[in-house]
Amino acid sequence: MKKQTVKVLSLLVVSGALATGCKLLKDVDYVATPNPLEMHGDSVRVKVDITFPSKGIHKKAAAEITPMLGSHALKPIRVQGEKATGNGDVIQYKAGGKVTYTDVIAYSPDMEVSELNITGKVYKGTKEKGDIPQTKIADATIITPLLVNKDFKVVIAKDAFERVTEENFNSQINYLKGKSDVRSNELREDDIKLFEAFLANAQSDAKVAVKSINVTGYASPEGEEDKNNTLSTDRANAAKEASMKIAKKAENEGAQGDIYVVKGSGEDYTGFKAALQADTKMNEDDKNLVLRVLETISNSTEREQAMRDMGKTFSYLDKNIFPALRRAEMVVVYDQTGFSDEELVALSTSNPDTLTVEELLFTAALSTDLNEQLRVYKIAEEKFPNDYRTANNVGAILYKQNKASEAKAQFEKANGIEDNVISKNNLGAIAGLEGDRTKAMDLLNQASGAGDEVNYNKGILDIQNGDYASAVSNLGSEASFNKALAEMLNGSAASVDGTIDGSADAESAQGYYLKAVAAARQDNLQGIISNLKSAFAKDGSFKAKAKKDREFIKYLENASFTAIL
């Protein structure tokens, strides 16, 4: 904004009787910067350079100068001649001098259309000799930062839904000691029957795609190690052959082909240790002794001998533990395709109990209707109350429906379930709406990692706090009204048009209005006129604002400008 110089010419302050004609104060020059005054961070900073010419103040005179912003008196400043008594800034009589006055005052709405005036009193010694006439030195106040959109953004917690997941189906065949032939009774076991049913279903179910069948053979940890290695391989091959016969019976052609991965794993010490630890009937001292042998003796022959030397304990192992280790495991690895979008939406209404929390969260996001999203998120919250995402997302939709108090309760509930950065951001957005900028920024600082919304919300607070460089940074690369506002307030009015044109406000009333303000800051009258016309056409209330906006004060007597008002 421009500087304005106000010179009080031959300001005569004389004695009460006006008899002496003594000039105590004259030709004082006042320059307010900026002019008009500007509001930033809820405050108006006032700076006035007061210049006294040679012989501008009597040697024994003093002046108490009080700036007035509208009806608000700022702190006074005392300036005195070189021989005056008291505490004040001293000005030499012949040389003159300069004093810079500064003050900060909290902004109030009555300051929007007002003036900065100076007034005060002049003294000689201790006697008051007259008043300094009230004199305008600047206009007030530019309040463009108040255009900021308080559109704080909340974050919806994401689902971990996967349409296609890799799954396993397990079954096993057990063998007699030292044998690898598959007994007929093993093929009548329940898990083998389920294996056959699975293969039959996989053949007809388009949502099941078998990728491989991994067959692994094992031997119990007694006998010669080399023989057990061979035995485990033989068991795996026998299980493969049995599996292929089962697949043929199930009419699953794919499971009869080249999808098998077969290997022998030798003596199963890992399974042995797990079975020992799970056994509840074995004497604990005996169990610990066997576990100690497994952990301290690495040679398999010595380890087996140590166990055989335990007598009854080894007999217990041979009867109760080892038989389950003599086996081949068949693991079908397959891709399972979940419900389609249409099926998920239908089930969320007809049978939501069949859906997982991930499916419900995903289903809610399929709709663009806030009421439908809220319905599904509430189902998720009822079914899965210990998952913070469900409570948070209910709150996010309530927030978007302008139900801030209800949303706040949900965000607090979510963060109580699990302290998390997403709900912290959302609580920060609520605090921002409530006007508690300190609390909002504290919460947002704790929300790092929740998403781009965190920095956007910080950018709003930065504008309100008058930290425009930080606002530009936090508002990121995405074009928005607030980003354009921050750029202009940070000194880049030329960037406003491009940012607004790339944003959702390219054709909004507030977008055009901000472009008009930017044009005024670049002394572009045509830009002011065309953009204000567009703003008024979209929203007539901007006409009343433009009439009093100090951004346009230098154009108030311009015929083209006044014509559109």
Protein backbone atom coordinates (compact mmCIF):
# COMPACT_ATOMS: atom_id res chain seq x y z
CA MET A 1 0.00 0.00 0.00
CA LYS A 2 1.12 3.56 -0.62
CA LYS A 3 2.67 5.87 1.92
CA GLN A 4 0.93 9.11 2.72
CA THR A 5 2.58 12.25 4.02
CA VAL A 6 0.62 14.68 6.16
CA LYS A 7 2.28 17.95 7.02
CA VAL A 8 0.74 20.07 9.72
CA LEU A 9 1.76 23.48 8.45
CA SER A 10 2.44 26.24 10.93
CA LEU A 11 0.61 24.54 13.75
CA LEU A 12 0.55 27.37 16.26
CA VAL A 13 0.30 26.57 19.89
CA VAL A 14 0.46 29.69 22.03
CA SER A 15 -0.11 30.72 25.60
CA GLY A 16 -3.55 30.92 27.02
CA ALA A 17 -3.64 34.68 26.49
CA LEU A 18 -2.28 34.39 22.93
CA ALA A 19 -0.18 37.44 23.79
CA THR A 20 3.33 36.19 23.19
CA GLY A 21 2.76 34.73 19.69
CA CYS A 22 5.36 32.13 20.55
CA LYS A 23 5.40 29.21 18.13
CA LEU A 24 6.01 26.02 20.10
CA LEU A 25 5.34 23.41 17.36
CA LYS A 26 5.13 23.81 13.59
CA ASP A 27 5.40 22.07 10.23
CA VAL A 28 5.47 18.52 11.67
CA ASP A 29 5.38 15.81 8.99
CA TYR A 30 3.52 12.49 9.57
CA VAL A 31 3.98 9.44 7.30
CA ALA A 32 1.94 6.32 8.06
CA THR A 33 3.12 3.00 6.62
CA PRO A 34 1.24 1.24 5.13
CA ASN A 35 -1.60 3.47 4.08
CA PRO A 36 -4.34 2.29 4.26
CA LEU A 37 -3.56 0.36 7.44
CA GLU A 38 -3.76 -3.42 7.24
CA MET A 39 -5.07 -6.12 9.53
CA HIS A 40 -2.90 -9.22 9.92
CA GLY A 41 -3.22 -11.99 12.49
CA ASP A 42 -6.20 -10.27 14.23
CA SER A 43 -4.19 -7.09 14.80
CA VAL A 44 -3.46 -3.78 13.13
CA ARG A 45 0.13 -2.61 13.29
CA VAL A 46 0.58 1.15 13.19
CA LYS A 47 3.83 2.77 12.11
CA VAL A 48 4.17 6.53 11.79
CA ASP A 49 7.36 8.42 10.98
CA ILE A 50 7.14 11.84 12.67
CA THR A 51 9.57 14.37 11.21
CA PHE A 52 10.37 17.73 12.80
CA PRO A 53 12.00 20.37 10.57
CA SER A 54 14.66 22.77 11.80
CA LYS A 55 13.14 24.92 14.52
CA GLY A 56 10.00 22.74 14.37
CA ILE A 57 9.75 22.38 18.14
CA HIS A 58 10.57 24.98 20.73
CA LYS A 59 13.55 24.17 22.93
CA LYS A 60 11.40 24.13 26.08
CA ALA A 61 8.24 22.65 24.52
CA ALA A 62 6.92 19.11 24.69
CA ALA A 63 4.20 17.43 22.66
CA GLU A 64 2.14 14.40 23.69
CA ILE A 65 0.95 12.93 20.40
CA THR A 66 -1.87 10.36 20.47
CA PRO A 67 -2.78 8.41 17.30
CA MET A 68 -6.47 7.50 17.05
CA LEU A 69 -7.67 4.57 14.96
CA GLY A 70 -11.30 5.45 14.58
CA SER A 71 -12.54 5.79 18.15
CA HIS A 72 -9.65 3.74 19.55
CA ALA A 73 -6.83 5.67 21.19
CA LEU A 74 -3.40 4.11 20.72
CA LYS A 75 -0.54 4.58 23.13
CA PRO A 76 0.69 8.22 23.24
CA ILE A 77 4.22 9.31 22.45
CA ARG A 78 6.01 12.26 24.10
CA VAL A 79 8.38 14.35 22.02
CA GLN A 80 10.22 17.30 23.55
CA GLY A 81 12.65 20.09 22.79
CA GLU A 82 16.27 19.92 23.82
CA LYS A 83 15.78 22.03 26.99
CA ALA A 84 12.40 20.61 28.08
CA THR A 85 12.13 18.58 31.26
CA GLY A 86 10.57 15.12 31.45
CA ASN A 87 10.99 11.83 29.66
CA GLY A 88 10.46 11.90 25.93
CA ASP A 89 12.18 11.65 22.59
CA VAL A 90 14.39 14.72 22.31
CA ILE A 91 14.44 16.76 19.11
CA GLN A 92 17.23 19.31 18.55
CA TYR A 93 15.96 22.80 17.86
CA LYS A 94 18.19 23.73 14.92
CA ALA A 95 18.76 20.29 13.44
CA GLY A 96 15.22 19.00 13.80
CA GLY A 97 14.80 15.24 13.86
CA LYS A 98 12.70 12.16 13.28
CA VAL A 99 10.83 9.79 15.59
CA THR A 100 9.30 6.49 14.50
CA TYR A 101 6.14 5.55 16.34
CA THR A 102 4.83 1.97 16.43
CA ASP A 103 1.93 0.25 18.14
CA VAL A 104 -0.26 -2.80 17.69
CA ILE A 105 -3.98 -2.88 18.40
CA ALA A 106 -6.44 -5.76 18.24
CA TYR A 107 -8.71 -5.45 15.23
CA SER A 108 -12.41 -4.80 15.74
CA PRO A 109 -15.06 -4.55 12.99
CA ASP A 110 -15.57 -0.80 13.48
CA MET A 111 -12.01 -0.30 12.22
CA GLU A 112 -12.86 -1.56 8.71
CA VAL A 113 -14.04 1.83 7.48
CA SER A 114 -12.17 4.35 9.59
CA GLU A 115 -9.20 6.69 9.68
CA LEU A 116 -5.92 7.04 11.51
CA ASN A 117 -5.79 10.49 13.06
CA ILE A 118 -3.35 12.20 15.35
CA THR A 119 -4.25 14.49 18.18
CA GLY A 120 -2.64 15.50 21.43
CA LYS A 121 -1.46 18.36 23.60
CA VAL A 122 1.50 20.73 23.73
CA TYR A 123 3.24 21.78 26.93
CA LYS A 124 5.80 24.35 27.96
CA GLY A 125 7.37 23.32 31.19
CA THR A 126 4.55 21.76 33.16
CA LYS A 127 1.87 23.96 31.71
CA GLU A 128 -0.50 22.84 28.99
CA LYS A 129 -0.39 25.36 26.16
CA GLY A 130 -2.91 23.97 23.72
CA ASP A 131 -4.22 21.05 21.69
CA ILE A 132 -2.85 19.44 18.58
CA PRO A 133 -5.83 19.59 16.22
CA GLN A 134 -7.11 16.18 15.13
CA THR A 135 -5.58 15.47 11.75
CA LYS A 136 -6.09 12.51 9.42
CA ILE A 137 -2.85 10.80 8.41
CA ALA A 138 -4.08 7.49 6.93
CA ASP A 139 -7.12 5.46 5.91
CA ALA A 140 -8.08 2.20 7.56
CA THR A 141 -8.37 -0.75 7.34
CA ILE A 142 -7.58 -3.43 4.75
CA ILE A 143 -9.00 -6.70 6.10
CA THR A 144 -8.36 -8.99 3.12
CA PRO A 145 -7.01 -11.89 5.30
CA LEU A 146 -10.58 -12.28 6.61
CA LEU A 147 -11.57 -13.60 3.16
CA VAL A 148 -9.98 -16.93 4.12
CA ASN A 149 -12.26 -19.92 3.72
CA LYS A 150 -12.48 -21.79 7.02
CA ASP A 151 -13.10 -24.99 5.07
CA PHE A 152 -11.05 -27.22 7.35
CA LYS A 153 -10.79 -30.72 5.93
CA VAL A 154 -11.46 -33.96 7.76
CA VAL A 155 -9.98 -37.34 6.89
CA ILE A 156 -11.95 -40.52 6.33
CA ALA A 157 -9.98 -43.51 7.58
CA LYS A 158 -9.24 -45.84 4.70
CA ASP A 159 -10.28 -49.46 4.42
CA ALA A 160 -7.88 -52.31 3.80
CA PHE A 161 -10.30 -54.07 1.46
CA GLU A 162 -8.79 -56.36 -1.18
CA ARG A 163 -11.06 -57.75 -3.83
CA VAL A 164 -8.72 -60.64 -4.57
CA THR A 165 -6.87 -62.27 -1.69
CA GLU A 166 -4.49 -65.19 -1.60
CA GLU A 167 -5.86 -67.98 0.60
CA ASN A 168 -4.80 -71.48 1.68
CA PHE A 169 -6.72 -74.71 2.10
CA ASN A 170 -4.89 -77.33 4.20
CA SER A 171 -5.23 -81.07 4.56
CA GLN A 172 -2.84 -83.90 5.43
CA ILE A 173 -2.25 -87.62 5.13
CA ASN A 174 -0.71 -89.56 8.02
CA TYR A 175 1.55 -92.60 7.63
CA LEU A 176 2.62 -95.57 9.68
CA LYS A 177 6.10 -95.71 11.13
CA GLY A 178 8.68 -96.12 8.35
CA LYS A 179 5.96 -96.33 5.65
CA SER A 180 5.05 -94.10 2.71
CA ASP A 181 2.03 -95.90 1.29
CA VAL A 182 -1.31 -94.08 1.57
CA ARG A 183 -3.82 -96.17 3.51
CA SER A 184 -7.43 -96.23 2.32
CA ASN A 185 -8.74 -95.23 5.73
CA GLU A 186 -6.70 -92.01 5.53
CA LEU A 187 -8.63 -91.02 2.42
CA ARG A 188 -11.87 -91.33 4.40
CA GLU A 189 -10.79 -88.73 6.98
CA ASP A 190 -12.90 -85.57 7.27
CA ASP A 191 -10.15 -83.22 6.09
CA ILE A 192 -9.66 -85.28 2.91
CA LYS A 193 -13.41 -85.21 2.25
CA LEU A 194 -13.32 -81.43 2.66
CA PHE A 195 -10.31 -81.32 0.34
CA GLU A 196 -12.31 -83.15 -2.35
CA ALA A 197 -15.29 -80.84 -1.84
CA PHE A 198 -13.07 -77.80 -2.11
CA LEU A 199 -11.57 -78.98 -5.40
CA ALA A 200 -15.03 -79.75 -6.78
CA ASN A 201 -16.27 -76.26 -5.84
CA ALA A 202 -13.14 -74.58 -7.20
CA GLN A 203 -13.82 -76.16 -10.60
CA SER A 204 -17.18 -74.38 -10.90
CA ASP A 205 -16.68 -71.28 -8.78
CA ALA A 206 -15.38 -68.42 -10.94
CA LYS A 207 -14.24 -66.59 -7.80
CA VAL A 208 -11.76 -69.33 -6.84
CA ALA A 209 -8.56 -69.68 -8.88
CA VAL A 210 -6.17 -72.43 -7.75
CA LYS A 211 -2.55 -71.33 -8.20
CA SER A 212 -0.58 -74.25 -6.79
CA ILE A 213 -0.78 -77.30 -4.55
CA ASN A 214 2.22 -77.55 -2.26
CA VAL A 215 2.88 -81.05 -0.93
CA THR A 216 5.48 -81.44 1.84
CA GLY A 217 6.46 -84.75 3.39
CA TYR A 218 7.82 -85.19 6.95
CA ALA A 219 9.36 -87.90 9.10
CA SER A 220 9.35 -88.24 12.89
CA PRO A 221 12.75 -87.68 14.58
CA GLU A 222 13.73 -91.27 15.23
CA GLY A 223 15.72 -93.62 13.00
CA GLU A 224 18.58 -92.82 10.63
CA GLU A 225 18.54 -89.28 9.27
CA ASP A 226 19.33 -90.23 5.66
CA LYS A 227 16.54 -92.80 5.59
CA ASN A 228 14.13 -90.28 7.08
CA ASN A 229 15.05 -87.73 4.40
CA THR A 230 14.22 -90.27 1.70
CA LEU A 231 11.11 -91.35 3.57
CA SER A 232 9.78 -87.78 3.77
CA THR A 233 10.24 -87.38 0.01
CA ASP A 234 8.49 -90.68 -0.68
CA ARG A 235 5.58 -89.57 1.50
CA ALA A 236 5.30 -86.28 -0.40
CA ASN A 237 5.24 -88.09 -3.75
CA ALA A 238 2.65 -90.55 -2.49
CA ALA A 239 0.48 -87.70 -1.24
CA LYS A 240 0.74 -86.00 -4.61
CA GLU A 241 -0.51 -89.12 -6.35
CA ALA A 242 -3.37 -89.40 -3.89
CA SER A 243 -4.21 -85.73 -4.39
CA MET A 244 -4.38 -86.13 -8.15
CA LYS A 245 -6.78 -89.06 -7.76
CA ILE A 246 -8.94 -86.97 -5.43
CA ALA A 247 -8.89 -84.13 -7.99
CA LYS A 248 -9.98 -86.53 -10.72
CA LYS A 249 -12.85 -87.72 -8.55
CA ALA A 250 -13.78 -84.05 -7.93
CA GLU A 251 -13.62 -83.47 -11.71
CA ASN A 252 -11.07 -80.69 -11.23
CA GLU A 253 -8.83 -80.86 -14.27
CA GLY A 254 -6.50 -78.11 -13.13
CA ALA A 255 -5.60 -79.97 -9.93
CA GLN A 256 -4.53 -82.96 -12.01
CA GLY A 257 -1.95 -80.98 -13.97
CA ASP A 258 1.44 -79.40 -13.46
CA ILE A 259 0.61 -77.23 -10.46
CA TYR A 260 2.21 -79.35 -7.75
CA VAL A 261 5.26 -78.32 -5.74
CA VAL A 262 6.58 -81.42 -3.99
CA LYS A 263 9.38 -81.68 -1.45
CA GLY A 264 10.56 -83.79 1.47
CA SER A 265 11.52 -81.92 4.63
CA GLY A 266 13.14 -84.75 6.53
CA GLU A 267 12.80 -85.07 10.30
CA ASP A 268 10.33 -82.56 11.63
CA TYR A 269 12.00 -81.12 14.72
CA THR A 270 10.02 -77.89 14.47
CA GLY A 271 6.75 -79.79 14.54
CA PHE A 272 8.10 -82.04 17.27
CA LYS A 273 8.92 -79.09 19.53
CA ALA A 274 5.52 -77.48 18.90
CA ALA A 275 3.69 -80.74 19.65
CA LEU A 276 5.67 -81.16 22.87
CA GLN A 277 4.81 -77.69 24.07
CA ALA A 278 1.14 -78.19 23.23
CA ASP A 279 0.88 -81.58 25.00
CA THR A 280 -0.96 -81.32 28.34
CA LYS A 281 -0.64 -84.92 29.55
CA MET A 282 3.12 -85.38 29.60
CA ASN A 283 5.00 -84.83 32.87
CA GLU A 284 6.38 -81.29 32.83
CA ASP A 285 9.83 -82.33 34.06
CA ASP A 286 10.06 -84.97 31.33
CA LYS A 287 8.83 -82.47 28.75
CA ASN A 288 11.45 -79.88 29.78
CA LEU A 289 14.17 -82.54 29.66
CA VAL A 290 13.25 -83.45 26.08
CA LEU A 291 13.09 -79.78 25.06
CA ARG A 292 16.54 -79.23 26.59
CA VAL A 293 17.91 -82.12 24.52
CA LEU A 294 16.42 -80.62 21.37
CA GLU A 295 17.99 -77.26 22.10
CA THR A 296 21.46 -78.40 23.19
CA ILE A 297 22.31 -81.41 20.98
CA SER A 298 22.68 -80.58 17.31
CA ASN A 299 23.79 -84.00 16.01
CA SER A 300 20.66 -85.94 15.07
CA THR A 301 22.09 -89.38 15.98
CA GLU A 302 23.24 -88.22 19.40
CA ARG A 303 19.97 -86.40 19.93
CA GLU A 304 17.88 -89.50 19.17
CA GLN A 305 20.05 -91.64 21.43
CA ALA A 306 19.65 -89.15 24.28
CA MET A 307 15.89 -89.41 23.93
CA ARG A 308 15.96 -93.23 23.76
CA ASP A 309 17.96 -93.25 26.96
CA MET A 310 14.96 -91.64 28.69
CA GLY A 311 13.14 -95.00 28.67
CA LYS A 312 9.46 -94.45 29.48
CA THR A 313 9.60 -90.89 28.29
CA PHE A 314 10.72 -92.04 24.84
CA SER A 315 7.94 -94.65 24.81
CA TYR A 316 5.42 -91.88 25.53
CA LEU A 317 6.81 -89.83 22.64
CA ASP A 318 6.71 -92.83 20.30
CA LYS A 319 3.09 -93.51 21.16
CA ASN A 320 1.63 -90.03 21.53
CA ILE A 321 3.80 -87.47 19.71
CA PHE A 322 5.64 -89.10 16.83
CA PRO A 323 2.63 -90.58 14.96
CA ALA A 324 1.26 -87.11 14.10
CA LEU A 325 4.66 -86.11 12.68
CA ARG A 326 4.67 -88.94 10.14
CA ARG A 327 2.68 -87.09 7.52
CA ALA A 328 2.42 -85.19 4.27
CA GLU A 329 0.75 -81.78 4.18
CA MET A 330 -1.20 -80.64 1.11
CA VAL A 331 -1.67 -76.87 0.91
CA VAL A 332 -3.82 -75.48 -1.89
CA VAL A 333 -2.81 -71.89 -2.65
CA TYR A 334 -5.60 -70.05 -4.42
CA ASP A 335 -6.90 -66.58 -5.21
CA GLN A 336 -10.32 -65.81 -3.74
CA THR A 337 -12.28 -63.05 -5.46
CA GLY A 338 -14.65 -61.29 -3.06
CA PHE A 339 -18.03 -59.70 -3.58
CA SER A 340 -18.57 -57.33 -6.47
CA ASP A 341 -19.46 -53.70 -5.80
CA GLU A 342 -23.08 -54.45 -6.58
CA GLU A 343 -23.12 -57.44 -4.23
CA LEU A 344 -21.53 -55.42 -1.42
CA VAL A 345 -24.11 -52.65 -1.74
CA ALA A 346 -26.98 -55.15 -1.76
CA LEU A 347 -25.59 -57.08 1.23
CA SER A 348 -25.11 -53.88 3.23
CA THR A 349 -28.89 -53.59 3.16
CA SER A 350 -30.11 -57.18 3.12
CA ASN A 351 -27.50 -58.99 5.23
CA PRO A 352 -24.79 -56.68 6.60
CA ASP A 353 -23.77 -59.26 9.20
CA THR A 354 -22.07 -61.23 6.42
CA LEU A 355 -19.65 -58.37 5.71
CA THR A 356 -16.30 -57.72 7.35
CA VAL A 357 -15.27 -54.32 8.62
CA GLU A 358 -13.07 -53.82 5.57
CA GLU A 359 -15.95 -54.66 3.24
CA LEU A 360 -18.29 -52.26 5.05
CA LEU A 361 -15.79 -49.40 5.00
CA PHE A 362 -15.19 -50.02 1.30
CA THR A 363 -18.92 -50.21 0.56
CA ALA A 364 -19.62 -46.88 2.26
CA ALA A 365 -17.06 -45.19 0.02
CA LEU A 366 -18.78 -46.53 -3.11
CA SER A 367 -21.59 -44.02 -2.70
CA THR A 368 -21.41 -40.26 -3.21
CA ASP A 369 -24.56 -39.71 -1.16
CA LEU A 370 -23.67 -38.58 2.37
CA ASN A 371 -26.77 -40.14 3.89
CA GLU A 372 -25.97 -43.50 2.32
CA GLN A 373 -22.36 -43.30 3.48
CA LEU A 374 -23.54 -42.48 6.99
CA ARG A 375 -25.92 -45.46 6.99
CA VAL A 376 -23.18 -47.92 6.13
CA TYR A 377 -20.59 -46.39 8.47
CA LYS A 378 -23.10 -46.60 11.32
CA ILE A 379 -23.61 -50.30 10.59
CA ALA A 380 -19.84 -50.74 10.67
CA GLU A 381 -19.63 -48.86 13.98
CA GLU A 382 -22.35 -51.03 15.51
CA LYS A 383 -20.74 -54.27 14.33
CA PHE A 384 -17.13 -53.30 14.98
CA PRO A 385 -17.16 -50.84 17.91
CA ASN A 386 -13.50 -51.47 18.76
CA ASP A 387 -12.24 -50.26 15.39
CA TYR A 388 -11.58 -46.51 15.63
CA ARG A 389 -12.12 -46.09 11.89
CA THR A 390 -15.85 -46.79 12.14
CA ALA A 391 -16.48 -44.08 14.76
CA ASN A 392 -14.16 -41.65 12.97
CA ASN A 393 -15.86 -42.09 9.63
CA VAL A 394 -19.31 -41.57 11.11
CA GLY A 395 -17.93 -38.30 12.46
CA ALA A 396 -16.45 -37.33 9.11
CA ILE A 397 -19.81 -37.63 7.37
CA LEU A 398 -21.57 -35.71 10.16
CA TYR A 399 -18.93 -32.98 9.73
CA LYS A 400 -19.66 -32.81 6.00
CA GLN A 401 -23.35 -32.47 6.90
CA ASN A 402 -22.46 -29.41 9.01
CA LYS A 403 -23.17 -31.22 12.28
CA ALA A 404 -19.94 -30.16 13.93
CA SER A 405 -20.88 -30.89 17.55
CA GLU A 406 -22.00 -34.44 16.73
CA ALA A 407 -18.90 -34.94 14.60
CA LYS A 408 -16.67 -33.77 17.45
CA ALA A 409 -18.14 -36.39 19.79
CA GLN A 410 -17.43 -39.09 17.22
CA PHE A 411 -13.82 -37.96 16.70
CA GLU A 412 -13.24 -37.93 20.46
CA LYS A 413 -14.74 -41.41 20.69
CA ALA A 414 -12.54 -42.68 17.86
CA ASN A 415 -9.39 -41.28 19.41
CA GLY A 416 -10.40 -42.83 22.73
CA ILE A 417 -10.61 -46.25 21.09
CA GLU A 418 -7.14 -45.79 19.62
CA ASP A 419 -4.93 -42.72 19.71
CA ASN A 420 -4.50 -42.00 15.99
CA VAL A 421 -3.38 -39.23 13.66
CA ILE A 422 -6.57 -39.22 11.57
CA SER A 423 -8.88 -38.37 14.45
CA LYS A 424 -6.31 -35.85 15.70
CA ASN A 425 -6.54 -34.02 12.37
CA ASN A 426 -10.31 -34.11 12.53
CA LEU A 427 -10.36 -32.76 16.08
CA GLY A 428 -7.97 -30.05 14.89
CA ALA A 429 -10.48 -29.14 12.17
CA ILE A 430 -13.20 -28.85 14.81
CA ALA A 431 -10.98 -26.64 17.00
CA GLY A 432 -10.29 -24.47 13.97
CA LEU A 433 -14.02 -24.05 13.33
CA GLU A 434 -14.49 -23.17 16.98
CA GLY A 435 -11.86 -20.46 16.67
CA ASP A 436 -9.31 -22.04 19.03
CA ARG A 437 -6.32 -21.70 16.73
CA THR A 438 -3.75 -22.65 19.36
CA LYS A 439 -5.51 -25.92 20.16
CA ALA A 440 -6.11 -26.59 16.48
CA MET A 441 -2.44 -26.17 15.57
CA ASP A 442 -1.37 -28.36 18.49
CA LEU A 443 -3.67 -31.15 17.33
CA LEU A 444 -2.56 -30.80 13.72
CA ASN A 445 1.08 -31.00 14.77
CA GLN A 446 0.22 -34.36 16.35
CA ALA A 447 -1.55 -35.50 13.17
CA SER A 448 1.49 -35.80 10.92
CA GLY A 449 0.99 -38.58 8.41
CA ALA A 450 -2.81 -38.44 8.36
CA GLY A 451 -2.87 -36.97 4.85
CA ASP A 452 -2.59 -33.76 2.83
CA GLU A 453 -5.58 -32.45 4.76
CA VAL A 454 -3.32 -31.79 7.76
CA ASN A 455 -1.15 -29.26 5.94
CA TYR A 456 -4.16 -27.67 4.24
CA ASN A 457 -5.72 -27.10 7.65
CA LYS A 458 -2.46 -25.65 8.93
CA GLY A 459 -2.45 -23.31 5.94
CA ILE A 460 -5.81 -21.87 6.98
CA LEU A 461 -4.47 -21.23 10.47
CA ASP A 462 -1.33 -19.69 9.01
CA ILE A 463 -3.41 -17.16 7.07
CA GLN A 464 -5.38 -16.33 10.20
CA ASN A 465 -2.14 -15.97 12.16
CA GLY A 466 -0.55 -13.72 9.51
CA ASP A 467 2.18 -16.22 8.57
CA TYR A 468 1.67 -16.10 4.83
CA ALA A 469 4.91 -17.73 3.69
CA SER A 470 4.10 -20.76 5.83
CA ALA A 471 0.53 -20.71 4.49
CA VAL A 472 1.75 -20.86 0.88
CA SER A 473 3.96 -23.83 1.78
CA ASN A 474 1.33 -25.71 3.76
CA LEU A 475 -1.43 -25.22 1.21
CA GLY A 476 0.67 -27.25 -1.20
CA SER A 477 0.55 -27.46 -4.97
CA GLU A 478 -3.19 -27.92 -5.35
CA ALA A 479 -4.93 -24.79 -6.58
CA SER A 480 -7.52 -23.40 -4.19
CA PHE A 481 -9.04 -20.10 -3.14
CA ASN A 482 -7.02 -20.13 0.07
CA LYS A 483 -3.81 -20.85 -1.83
CA ALA A 484 -4.44 -17.84 -4.09
CA LEU A 485 -5.23 -15.67 -1.06
CA ALA A 486 -2.03 -16.78 0.70
CA GLU A 487 0.05 -16.06 -2.41
CA MET A 488 -1.35 -12.54 -2.67
CA LEU A 489 -0.90 -11.81 1.03
CA ASN A 490 2.66 -13.08 0.71
CA GLY A 491 3.37 -10.48 -1.95
CA SER A 492 2.60 -12.35 -5.16
CA ALA A 493 -0.59 -10.75 -6.47
CA ALA A 494 0.40 -11.76 -10.00
CA SER A 495 -0.07 -15.44 -9.08
CA VAL A 496 -3.70 -15.05 -8.06
CA ASP A 497 -5.38 -15.33 -11.47
CA GLY A 498 -3.60 -18.54 -12.41
CA THR A 499 -4.27 -20.19 -9.07
CA ILE A 500 -7.94 -19.22 -9.00
CA ASP A 501 -8.46 -20.30 -12.61
CA GLY A 502 -7.07 -23.74 -11.75
CA SER A 503 -9.28 -24.12 -8.70
CA ALA A 504 -12.89 -24.92 -7.93
CA ASP A 505 -13.44 -21.14 -7.57
CA ALA A 506 -12.59 -20.34 -11.18
CA GLU A 507 -16.12 -19.05 -11.73
CA SER A 508 -17.30 -18.34 -8.17
CA ALA A 509 -18.17 -14.91 -6.79
CA GLN A 510 -15.37 -15.05 -4.22
CA GLY A 511 -12.90 -16.18 -6.88
CA TYR A 512 -13.70 -13.19 -9.10
CA TYR A 513 -13.61 -10.85 -6.11
CA LEU A 514 -10.15 -12.00 -5.06
CA LYS A 515 -8.93 -11.53 -8.62
CA ALA A 516 -10.28 -7.96 -8.48
CA VAL A 517 -8.34 -7.31 -5.27
CA ALA A 518 -5.20 -8.72 -6.89
CA ALA A 519 -5.79 -6.43 -9.88
CA ALA A 520 -6.04 -3.44 -7.52
CA ARG A 521 -2.72 -4.36 -5.95
CA GLN A 522 -1.24 -4.33 -9.46
CA ASP A 523 -2.93 -1.02 -10.44
CA ASN A 524 -4.91 -2.83 -13.13
CA LEU A 525 -8.17 -0.89 -13.43
CA GLN A 526 -9.58 -3.05 -16.23
CA GLY A 527 -8.91 -6.16 -14.19
CA ILE A 528 -10.73 -4.62 -11.24
CA ILE A 529 -13.78 -3.67 -13.31
CA SER A 530 -14.18 -6.95 -15.21
CA ASN A 531 -13.69 -9.17 -12.17
CA LEU A 532 -15.98 -7.13 -9.93
CA LYS A 533 -18.71 -7.24 -12.58
CA SER A 534 -18.41 -11.03 -12.67
CA ALA A 535 -18.44 -11.22 -8.86
CA PHE A 536 -21.55 -9.02 -8.59
CA ALA A 537 -23.34 -11.09 -11.23
CA LYS A 538 -22.71 -14.24 -9.17
CA ASP A 539 -23.44 -12.70 -5.77
CA GLY A 540 -24.82 -9.19 -5.37
CA SER A 541 -23.67 -8.92 -1.75
CA PHE A 542 -20.10 -8.37 -2.95
CA LYS A 543 -21.14 -4.94 -4.27
CA ALA A 544 -21.67 -3.62 -0.72
CA LYS A 545 -18.35 -5.09 0.32
CA ALA A 546 -16.49 -3.49 -2.58
CA LYS A 547 -17.91 -0.07 -1.71
CA LYS A 548 -16.18 -0.09 1.68
CA ASP A 549 -13.18 -2.29 0.90
CA ARG A 550 -10.03 -0.23 1.50
CA GLU A 551 -8.30 -2.30 -1.22
CA PHE A 552 -10.17 -0.09 -3.72
CA ILE A 553 -9.95 3.24 -1.89
CA LYS A 554 -7.78 4.91 -4.51
CA TYR A 555 -10.47 4.20 -7.13
CA LEU A 556 -13.43 5.60 -5.19
CA GLU A 557 -13.52 8.70 -7.36
CA ASN A 558 -12.75 6.92 -10.61
CA ALA A 559 -15.78 7.15 -12.92
CA SER A 560 -15.36 3.63 -14.34
CA PHE A 561 -15.12 2.17 -10.87
CA THR A 562 -18.01 4.08 -9.37
CA ALA A 563 -20.19 3.26 -12.38
CA ILE A 564 -20.26 -0.47 -11.55
CA LEU A 565 -21.13 0.27 -7.92
